[in-house]
PDB file of N, CA and C in Angstrom:
ATOM      1  N   MET A   1     -18.174  -4.221 -16.551  1.00  0.00           N
ATOM      2  CA  MET A   1     -17.509  -5.508 -16.515  1.00  0.00           C
ATOM      3  C   MET A   1     -18.185  -6.185 -15.117  1.00  0.00           C
ATOM      4  N   ILE A   2     -18.485  -7.571 -15.342  1.00  0.00           N
ATOM      5  CA  ILE A   2     -18.764  -8.244 -14.154  1.00  0.00           C
ATOM      6  C   ILE A   2     -17.475  -8.682 -13.453  1.00  0.00           C
ATOM      7  N   ALA A   3     -17.562  -8.689 -11.988  1.00  0.00           N
ATOM      8  CA  ALA A   3     -16.272  -8.998 -11.362  1.00  0.00           C
ATOM      9  C   ALA A   3     -15.982 -10.522 -11.502  1.00  0.00           C
ATOM     10  N   THR A   4     -14.853 -10.842 -12.095  1.00  0.00           N
ATOM     11  CA  THR A   4     -14.574 -12.336 -12.069  1.00  0.00           C
ATOM     12  C   THR A   4     -13.887 -12.496 -10.698  1.00  0.00           C
ATOM     13  N   LYS A   5     -13.532 -13.675 -10.546  1.00  0.00           N
ATOM     14  CA  LYS A   5     -12.810 -14.373  -9.329  1.00  0.00           C
ATOM     15  C   LYS A   5     -11.642 -13.498  -8.977  1.00  0.00           C
ATOM     16  N   GLU A   6     -10.716 -13.357 -10.092  1.00  0.00           N
ATOM     17  CA  GLU A   6      -9.482 -12.591  -9.857  1.00  0.00           C
ATOM     18  C   GLU A   6      -9.753 -11.207  -9.509  1.00  0.00           C
ATOM     19  N   ALA A   7     -10.813 -10.641 -10.017  1.00  0.00           N
ATOM     20  CA  ALA A   7     -11.016  -9.231  -9.893  1.00  0.00           C
ATOM     21  C   ALA A   7     -11.548  -8.983  -8.330  1.00  0.00           C
ATOM     22  N   LYS A   8     -12.346  -9.908  -7.923  1.00  0.00           N
ATOM     23  CA  LYS A   8     -12.890 -10.126  -6.587  1.00  0.00           C
ATOM     24  C   LYS A   8     -11.743 -10.001  -5.527  1.00  0.00           C
ATOM     25  N   LYS A   9     -10.853 -11.137  -5.963  1.00  0.00           N
ATOM     26  CA  LYS A   9      -9.806 -11.189  -4.977  1.00  0.00           C
ATOM     27  C   LYS A   9      -8.819 -10.108  -4.914  1.00  0.00           C
ATOM     28  N   GLU A  10      -8.719  -9.383  -5.929  1.00  0.00           N
ATOM     29  CA  GLU A  10      -8.003  -7.893  -6.097  1.00  0.00           C
ATOM     30  C   GLU A  10      -8.627  -7.010  -5.016  1.00  0.00           C
ATOM     31  N   ILE A  11     -10.145  -7.028  -5.231  1.00  0.00           N
ATOM     32  CA  ILE A  11     -10.774  -6.027  -4.696  1.00  0.00           C
ATOM     33  C   ILE A  11     -10.521  -6.383  -2.786  1.00  0.00           C
ATOM     34  N   PHE A  12     -10.906  -7.488  -2.632  1.00  0.00           N
ATOM     35  CA  PHE A  12     -10.703  -7.836  -1.163  1.00  0.00           C
ATOM     36  C   PHE A  12      -9.263  -7.883  -0.774  1.00  0.00           C
ATOM     37  N   LYS A  13      -8.300  -7.914  -1.585  1.00  0.00           N
ATOM     38  CA  LYS A  13      -6.802  -7.748  -1.140  1.00  0.00           C
ATOM     39  C   LYS A  13      -6.548  -6.426  -0.802  1.00  0.00           C
ATOM     40  N   LEU A  14      -6.912  -5.463  -1.886  1.00  0.00           N
ATOM     41  CA  LEU A  14      -6.837  -3.976  -1.587  1.00  0.00           C
ATOM     42  C   LEU A  14      -7.634  -3.424  -0.504  1.00  0.00           C
ATOM     43  N   HIS A  15      -8.837  -3.873  -0.223  1.00  0.00           N
ATOM     44  CA  HIS A  15      -9.587  -3.195   0.870  1.00  0.00           C
ATOM     45  C   HIS A  15      -9.943  -4.087   2.116  1.00  0.00           C
ATOM     46  N   GLY A  16      -9.799  -5.330   1.870  1.00  0.00           N
ATOM     47  CA  GLY A  16     -10.249  -6.218   3.088  1.00  0.00           C
ATOM     48  C   GLY A  16      -8.948  -6.674   3.783  1.00  0.00           C
ATOM     49  N   GLY A  17      -7.861  -6.424   3.366  1.00  0.00           N
ATOM     50  CA  GLY A  17      -6.701  -7.155   4.071  1.00  0.00           C
ATOM     51  C   GLY A  17      -6.139  -8.172   3.389  1.00  0.00           C
ATOM     52  N   SER A  18      -6.766  -9.243   3.001  1.00  0.00           N
ATOM     53  CA  SER A  18      -6.252 -10.216   2.116  1.00  0.00           C
ATOM     54  C   SER A  18      -7.415 -10.783   1.481  1.00  0.00           C
ATOM     55  N   GLU A  19      -6.910 -11.653   0.438  1.00  0.00           N
ATOM     56  CA  GLU A  19      -7.905 -12.238  -0.455  1.00  0.00           C
ATOM     57  C   GLU A  19      -8.957 -12.910   0.103  1.00  0.00           C
ATOM     58  N   THR A  20      -8.568 -13.699   1.123  1.00  0.00           N
ATOM     59  CA  THR A  20      -9.628 -14.578   1.967  1.00  0.00           C
ATOM     60  C   THR A  20     -10.658 -13.894   2.635  1.00  0.00           C
ATOM     61  N   ASN A  21     -10.269 -12.716   3.050  1.00  0.00           N
ATOM     62  CA  ASN A  21     -11.045 -11.929   4.145  1.00  0.00           C
ATOM     63  C   ASN A  21     -12.215 -11.402   3.323  1.00  0.00           C
ATOM     64  N   THR A  22     -13.187 -11.908   2.997  1.00  0.00           N
ATOM     65  CA  THR A  22     -14.461 -11.558   2.210  1.00  0.00           C
ATOM     66  C   THR A  22     -15.540 -11.017   3.087  1.00  0.00           C
ATOM     67  N   GLY A  23     -15.302 -11.085   4.402  1.00  0.00           N
ATOM     68  CA  GLY A  23     -16.438 -10.645   5.273  1.00  0.00           C
ATOM     69  C   GLY A  23     -16.307  -9.206   5.654  1.00  0.00           C
ATOM     70  N   SER A  24     -15.003  -8.675   5.555  1.00  0.00           N
ATOM     71  CA  SER A  24     -14.676  -7.384   6.206  1.00  0.00           C
ATOM     72  C   SER A  24     -15.754  -6.350   5.576  1.00  0.00           C
ATOM     73  N   ALA A  25     -16.205  -5.540   6.617  1.00  0.00           N
ATOM     74  CA  ALA A  25     -16.858  -4.442   5.845  1.00  0.00           C
ATOM     75  C   ALA A  25     -16.391  -3.718   4.706  1.00  0.00           C
ATOM     76  N   GLU A  26     -15.069  -3.360   4.805  1.00  0.00           N
ATOM     77  CA  GLU A  26     -14.497  -2.547   3.758  1.00  0.00           C
ATOM     78  C   GLU A  26     -14.547  -3.277   2.498  1.00  0.00           C
ATOM     79  N   GLY A  27     -14.166  -4.584   2.358  1.00  0.00           N
ATOM     80  CA  GLY A  27     -14.124  -5.613   1.217  1.00  0.00           C
ATOM     81  C   GLY A  27     -15.510  -5.369   0.663  1.00  0.00           C
ATOM     82  N   GLN A  28     -16.573  -5.617   1.411  1.00  0.00           N
ATOM     83  CA  GLN A  28     -17.975  -5.653   0.967  1.00  0.00           C
ATOM     84  C   GLN A  28     -18.385  -4.282   0.269  1.00  0.00           C
ATOM     85  N   ILE A  29     -17.865  -3.315   1.063  1.00  0.00           N
ATOM     86  CA  ILE A  29     -18.399  -1.943   0.510  1.00  0.00           C
ATOM     87  C   ILE A  29     -17.632  -1.624  -0.918  1.00  0.00           C
ATOM     88  N   ALA A  30     -16.354  -2.183  -0.980  1.00  0.00           N
ATOM     89  CA  ALA A  30     -15.618  -1.838  -2.153  1.00  0.00           C
ATOM     90  C   ALA A  30     -16.221  -2.777  -3.341  1.00  0.00           C
ATOM     91  N   LEU A  31     -16.636  -3.968  -2.908  1.00  0.00           N
ATOM     92  CA  LEU A  31     -17.205  -4.824  -3.907  1.00  0.00           C
ATOM     93  C   LEU A  31     -18.607  -4.108  -4.516  1.00  0.00           C
ATOM     94  N   PHE A  32     -19.406  -3.962  -3.402  1.00  0.00           N
ATOM     95  CA  PHE A  32     -20.784  -3.163  -3.684  1.00  0.00           C
ATOM     96  C   PHE A  32     -20.475  -2.094  -4.670  1.00  0.00           C
ATOM     97  N   THR A  33     -19.429  -1.149  -4.325  1.00  0.00           N
ATOM     98  CA  THR A  33     -19.286   0.033  -5.095  1.00  0.00           C
ATOM     99  C   THR A  33     -18.857  -0.235  -6.502  1.00  0.00           C
ATOM    100  N   GLN A  34     -18.217  -1.409  -6.640  1.00  0.00           N
ATOM    101  CA  GLN A  34     -17.919  -1.752  -8.144  1.00  0.00           C
ATOM    102  C   GLN A  34     -19.145  -2.292  -8.900  1.00  0.00           C
ATOM    103  N   ARG A  35     -19.774  -2.904  -8.142  1.00  0.00           N
ATOM    104  CA  ARG A  35     -21.163  -3.448  -8.942  1.00  0.00           C
ATOM    105  C   ARG A  35     -22.106  -2.298  -9.111  1.00  0.00           C
ATOM    106  N   ILE A  36     -22.211  -1.260  -8.189  1.00  0.00           N
ATOM    107  CA  ILE A  36     -23.097  -0.119  -8.520  1.00  0.00           C
ATOM    108  C   ILE A  36     -22.588   0.473  -9.648  1.00  0.00           C
ATOM    109  N   GLU A  37     -21.049   0.801  -9.814  1.00  0.00           N
ATOM    110  CA  GLU A  37     -20.844   1.561 -10.876  1.00  0.00           C
ATOM    111  C   GLU A  37     -21.148   0.845 -12.143  1.00  0.00           C
ATOM    112  N   HIS A  38     -20.840  -0.559 -12.233  1.00  0.00           N
ATOM    113  CA  HIS A  38     -21.220  -1.242 -13.530  1.00  0.00           C
ATOM    114  C   HIS A  38     -22.687  -1.135 -13.852  1.00  0.00           C
ATOM    115  N   LEU A  39     -23.633  -1.453 -12.841  1.00  0.00           N
ATOM    116  CA  LEU A  39     -25.012  -1.236 -13.158  1.00  0.00           C
ATOM    117  C   LEU A  39     -25.346   0.165 -13.514  1.00  0.00           C
ATOM    118  N   THR A  40     -24.609   1.033 -13.064  1.00  0.00           N
ATOM    119  CA  THR A  40     -24.940   2.419 -13.461  1.00  0.00           C
ATOM    120  C   THR A  40     -24.695   2.714 -14.761  1.00  0.00           C
ATOM    121  N   GLY A  41     -23.632   2.203 -15.188  1.00  0.00           N
ATOM    122  CA  GLY A  41     -23.151   2.167 -16.623  1.00  0.00           C
ATOM    123  C   GLY A  41     -24.256   1.817 -17.606  1.00  0.00           C
ATOM    124  N   HIS A  42     -24.701   0.496 -17.106  1.00  0.00           N
ATOM    125  CA  HIS A  42     -25.696  -0.204 -17.834  1.00  0.00           C
ATOM    126  C   HIS A  42     -26.922   0.324 -18.024  1.00  0.00           C
ATOM    127  N   LEU A  43     -27.332   1.031 -16.776  1.00  0.00           N
ATOM    128  CA  LEU A  43     -28.752   1.858 -16.943  1.00  0.00           C
ATOM    129  C   LEU A  43     -28.499   3.100 -17.786  1.00  0.00           C
ATOM    130  N   LYS A  44     -27.471   3.570 -18.014  1.00  0.00           N
ATOM    131  CA  LYS A  44     -27.350   4.700 -18.888  1.00  0.00           C
ATOM    132  C   LYS A  44     -27.626   4.417 -20.181  1.00  0.00           C
ATOM    133  N   THR A  45     -27.305   3.166 -20.738  1.00  0.00           N
ATOM    134  CA  THR A  45     -27.764   2.640 -22.078  1.00  0.00           C
ATOM    135  C   THR A  45     -29.137   2.008 -22.393  1.00  0.00           C
ATOM    136  N   ASN A  46     -29.480   1.341 -21.078  1.00  0.00           N
ATOM    137  CA  ASN A  46     -30.637   0.613 -21.044  1.00  0.00           C
ATOM    138  C   ASN A  46     -31.820   1.335 -19.883  1.00  0.00           C
ATOM    139  N   LYS A  47     -32.178   2.349 -20.489  1.00  0.00           N
ATOM    140  CA  LYS A  47     -33.244   3.064 -19.543  1.00  0.00           C
ATOM    141  C   LYS A  47     -34.404   2.421 -18.993  1.00  0.00           C
ATOM    142  N   LYS A  48     -34.764   1.422 -19.761  1.00  0.00           N
ATOM    143  CA  LYS A  48     -36.064   0.800 -19.381  1.00  0.00           C
ATOM    144  C   LYS A  48     -35.920  -0.465 -18.589  1.00  0.00           C
ATOM    145  N   ASP A  49     -34.727  -0.884 -18.411  1.00  0.00           N
ATOM    146  CA  ASP A  49     -34.361  -1.900 -17.519  1.00  0.00           C
ATOM    147  C   ASP A  49     -34.815  -1.984 -16.147  1.00  0.00           C
ATOM    148  N   HIS A  50     -35.987  -2.141 -15.615  1.00  0.00           N
ATOM    149  CA  HIS A  50     -36.425  -1.734 -14.482  1.00  0.00           C
ATOM    150  C   HIS A  50     -35.901  -2.821 -13.438  1.00  0.00           C
ATOM    151  N   ARG A  51     -35.674  -3.949 -13.825  1.00  0.00           N
ATOM    152  CA  ARG A  51     -35.110  -5.008 -12.886  1.00  0.00           C
ATOM    153  C   ARG A  51     -33.739  -4.893 -12.453  1.00  0.00           C
ATOM    154  N   THR A  52     -32.884  -4.271 -13.337  1.00  0.00           N
ATOM    155  CA  THR A  52     -31.696  -3.920 -13.037  1.00  0.00           C
ATOM    156  C   THR A  52     -31.685  -2.563 -12.192  1.00  0.00           C
ATOM    157  N   GLU A  53     -32.597  -1.920 -12.321  1.00  0.00           N
ATOM    158  CA  GLU A  53     -32.684  -0.619 -11.587  1.00  0.00           C
ATOM    159  C   GLU A  53     -33.102  -0.903 -10.079  1.00  0.00           C
ATOM    160  N   ALA A  54     -33.985  -2.070  -9.880  1.00  0.00           N
ATOM    161  CA  ALA A  54     -34.218  -2.488  -8.729  1.00  0.00           C
ATOM    162  C   ALA A  54     -33.282  -3.125  -7.875  1.00  0.00           C
ATOM    163  N   ALA A  55     -32.292  -3.970  -8.687  1.00  0.00           N
ATOM    164  CA  ALA A  55     -31.162  -4.494  -8.124  1.00  0.00           C
ATOM    165  C   ALA A  55     -30.142  -3.368  -7.691  1.00  0.00           C
ATOM    166  N   LEU A  56     -29.957  -2.348  -8.539  1.00  0.00           N
ATOM    167  CA  LEU A  56     -29.106  -1.281  -8.096  1.00  0.00           C
ATOM    168  C   LEU A  56     -29.566  -0.544  -6.810  1.00  0.00           C
ATOM    169  N   LEU A  57     -30.847  -0.336  -6.631  1.00  0.00           N
ATOM    170  CA  LEU A  57     -31.212   0.150  -5.345  1.00  0.00           C
ATOM    171  C   LEU A  57     -31.004  -0.590  -4.083  1.00  0.00           C
ATOM    172  N   ASP A  58     -31.169  -2.096  -4.480  1.00  0.00           N
ATOM    173  CA  ASP A  58     -30.852  -2.968  -3.261  1.00  0.00           C
ATOM    174  C   ASP A  58     -29.323  -2.934  -2.994  1.00  0.00           C
ATOM    175  N   LEU A  59     -28.450  -2.801  -3.914  1.00  0.00           N
ATOM    176  CA  LEU A  59     -27.054  -2.771  -3.497  1.00  0.00           C
ATOM    177  C   LEU A  59     -26.801  -1.311  -2.942  1.00  0.00           C
ATOM    178  N   VAL A  60     -27.322  -0.274  -3.422  1.00  0.00           N
ATOM    179  CA  VAL A  60     -27.016   0.947  -2.668  1.00  0.00           C
ATOM    180  C   VAL A  60     -27.517   0.939  -1.239  1.00  0.00           C
ATOM    181  N   GLY A  61     -28.724   0.268  -1.116  1.00  0.00           N
ATOM    182  CA  GLY A  61     -29.163   0.201   0.242  1.00  0.00           C
ATOM    183  C   GLY A  61     -28.271  -0.730   1.249  1.00  0.00           C
ATOM    184  N   LYS A  62     -27.656  -1.761   0.764  1.00  0.00           N
ATOM    185  CA  LYS A  62     -26.848  -2.670   1.470  1.00  0.00           C
ATOM    186  C   LYS A  62     -25.347  -2.047   1.757  1.00  0.00           C
ATOM    187  N   ARG A  63     -24.882  -1.362   0.739  1.00  0.00           N
ATOM    188  CA  ARG A  63     -23.800  -0.496   0.923  1.00  0.00           C
ATOM    189  C   ARG A  63     -24.147   0.506   2.064  1.00  0.00           C
ATOM    190  N   LYS A  64     -25.035   1.199   1.877  1.00  0.00           N
ATOM    191  CA  LYS A  64     -25.477   2.289   3.058  1.00  0.00           C
ATOM    192  C   LYS A  64     -25.510   1.916   4.517  1.00  0.00           C
ATOM    193  N   GLN A  65     -26.204   0.450   4.669  1.00  0.00           N
ATOM    194  CA  GLN A  65     -26.273  -0.186   5.819  1.00  0.00           C
ATOM    195  C   GLN A  65     -24.782  -0.473   6.389  1.00  0.00           C
ATOM    196  N   LEU A  66     -23.806  -0.842   5.454  1.00  0.00           N
ATOM    197  CA  LEU A  66     -22.515  -1.162   5.980  1.00  0.00           C
ATOM    198  C   LEU A  66     -21.733   0.143   6.233  1.00  0.00           C
ATOM    199  N   LEU A  67     -22.052   1.047   5.545  1.00  0.00           N
ATOM    200  CA  LEU A  67     -21.324   2.327   5.925  1.00  0.00           C
ATOM    201  C   LEU A  67     -21.870   2.806   7.197  1.00  0.00           C
ATOM    202  N   SER A  68     -23.178   2.548   7.460  1.00  0.00           N
ATOM    203  CA  SER A  68     -23.813   3.372   8.741  1.00  0.00           C
ATOM    204  C   SER A  68     -23.186   2.526   9.913  1.00  0.00           C
ATOM    205  N   TYR A  69     -23.070   1.278   9.536  1.00  0.00           N
ATOM    206  CA  TYR A  69     -22.382   0.295  10.636  1.00  0.00           C
ATOM    207  C   TYR A  69     -21.078   0.782  11.138  1.00  0.00           C
ATOM    208  N   LEU A  70     -20.308   0.845  10.017  1.00  0.00           N
ATOM    209  CA  LEU A  70     -18.782   1.339  10.259  1.00  0.00           C
ATOM    210  C   LEU A  70     -18.946   2.765  11.171  1.00  0.00           C
ATOM    211  N   LYS A  71     -19.716   3.682  10.414  1.00  0.00           N
ATOM    212  CA  LYS A  71     -19.802   4.961  11.097  1.00  0.00           C
ATOM    213  C   LYS A  71     -20.193   5.079  12.687  1.00  0.00           C
ATOM    214  N   ASN A  72     -20.961   4.139  12.946  1.00  0.00           N
ATOM    215  CA  ASN A  72     -21.476   4.057  14.311  1.00  0.00           C
ATOM    216  C   ASN A  72     -20.555   3.355  15.257  1.00  0.00           C
ATOM    217  N   HIS A  73     -19.744   2.352  14.772  1.00  0.00           N
ATOM    218  CA  HIS A  73     -18.919   1.488  15.574  1.00  0.00           C
ATOM    219  C   HIS A  73     -17.262   1.756  15.429  1.00  0.00           C
ATOM    220  N   GLU A  74     -16.907   2.113  14.370  1.00  0.00           N
ATOM    221  CA  GLU A  74     -15.529   2.509  13.938  1.00  0.00           C
ATOM    222  C   GLU A  74     -15.233   3.633  13.127  1.00  0.00           C
ATOM    223  N   ILE A  75     -15.352   4.980  13.532  1.00  0.00           N
ATOM    224  CA  ILE A  75     -15.411   6.002  12.680  1.00  0.00           C
ATOM    225  C   ILE A  75     -14.024   6.029  11.823  1.00  0.00           C
ATOM    226  N   GLU A  76     -13.038   5.587  12.306  1.00  0.00           N
ATOM    227  CA  GLU A  76     -11.688   5.714  11.602  1.00  0.00           C
ATOM    228  C   GLU A  76     -11.686   4.868  10.311  1.00  0.00           C
ATOM    229  N   ARG A  77     -12.047   3.601  10.475  1.00  0.00           N
ATOM    230  CA  ARG A  77     -12.266   2.774   9.380  1.00  0.00           C
ATOM    231  C   ARG A  77     -13.330   3.192   8.366  1.00  0.00           C
ATOM    232  N   TYR A  78     -14.332   4.028   8.755  1.00  0.00           N
ATOM    233  CA  TYR A  78     -15.358   4.545   7.926  1.00  0.00           C
ATOM    234  C   TYR A  78     -14.605   5.713   7.113  1.00  0.00           C
ATOM    235  N   ARG A  79     -14.095   6.676   7.704  1.00  0.00           N
ATOM    236  CA  ARG A  79     -13.612   7.716   7.131  1.00  0.00           C
ATOM    237  C   ARG A  79     -12.474   7.128   6.240  1.00  0.00           C
ATOM    238  N   ALA A  80     -11.599   6.282   6.390  1.00  0.00           N
ATOM    239  CA  ALA A  80     -10.569   5.536   5.437  1.00  0.00           C
ATOM    240  C   ALA A  80     -11.363   5.089   4.200  1.00  0.00           C
ATOM    241  N   ILE A  81     -12.317   4.298   4.448  1.00  0.00           N
ATOM    242  CA  ILE A  81     -12.959   3.803   3.177  1.00  0.00           C
ATOM    243  C   ILE A  81     -13.795   4.736   2.377  1.00  0.00           C
ATOM    244  N   ILE A  82     -14.192   5.662   2.908  1.00  0.00           N
ATOM    245  CA  ILE A  82     -14.859   6.999   2.276  1.00  0.00           C
ATOM    246  C   ILE A  82     -13.783   7.572   1.432  1.00  0.00           C
ATOM    247  N   ALA A  83     -12.666   7.659   1.957  1.00  0.00           N
ATOM    248  CA  ALA A  83     -11.533   8.601   1.281  1.00  0.00           C
ATOM    249  C   ALA A  83     -10.860   7.574   0.135  1.00  0.00           C
ATOM    250  N   LYS A  84     -10.750   6.286   0.448  1.00  0.00           N
ATOM    251  CA  LYS A  84     -10.182   5.540  -0.622  1.00  0.00           C
ATOM    252  C   LYS A  84     -11.065   5.297  -1.717  1.00  0.00           C
ATOM    253  N   LEU A  85     -12.297   5.143  -1.463  1.00  0.00           N
ATOM    254  CA  LEU A  85     -13.284   4.747  -2.517  1.00  0.00           C
ATOM    255  C   LEU A  85     -13.808   6.239  -3.335  1.00  0.00           C
ATOM    256  N   GLY A  86     -13.622   7.081  -2.734  1.00  0.00           N
ATOM    257  CA  GLY A  86     -13.895   8.496  -3.164  1.00  0.00           C
ATOM    258  C   GLY A  86     -15.502   8.672  -3.205  1.00  0.00           C
ATOM    259  N   LEU A  87     -16.147   8.259  -1.932  1.00  0.00           N
ATOM    260  CA  LEU A  87     -17.638   8.289  -1.919  1.00  0.00           C
ATOM    261  C   LEU A  87     -17.912   9.623  -1.376  1.00  0.00           C
ATOM    262  N   ARG A  88     -19.191  10.169  -1.666  1.00  0.00           N
ATOM    263  CA  ARG A  88     -19.721  11.368  -1.024  1.00  0.00           C
ATOM    264  C   ARG A  88     -20.385  11.045   0.224  1.00  0.00           C
ATOM    265  N   LYS A  89     -20.090  11.806   1.366  1.00  0.00           N
ATOM    266  CA  LYS A  89     -20.760  11.411   2.407  1.00  0.00           C
ATOM    267  C   LYS A  89     -20.678  12.851   3.323  1.00  0.00           C
TER     268      LYS A  89
END
């Protein structure tokens, strides 16, 4: 499922603090995680979709950069978002 406006608002409300706080690292990480899960499911059925695979790798890289930023600057926020989203680190 591609994130609609309402779904994005809900993601930012849960992880970013408010619906309008779209720039927070936690909100962006949560949005990227949702999109990564969607693309992973798509690639399980469409194995030869190389463009989507490239987009997936881009999203994983962006999420990794944001996670490393949080890890280096605010370790408590990093630990909280990892636990909340259930990411392996």
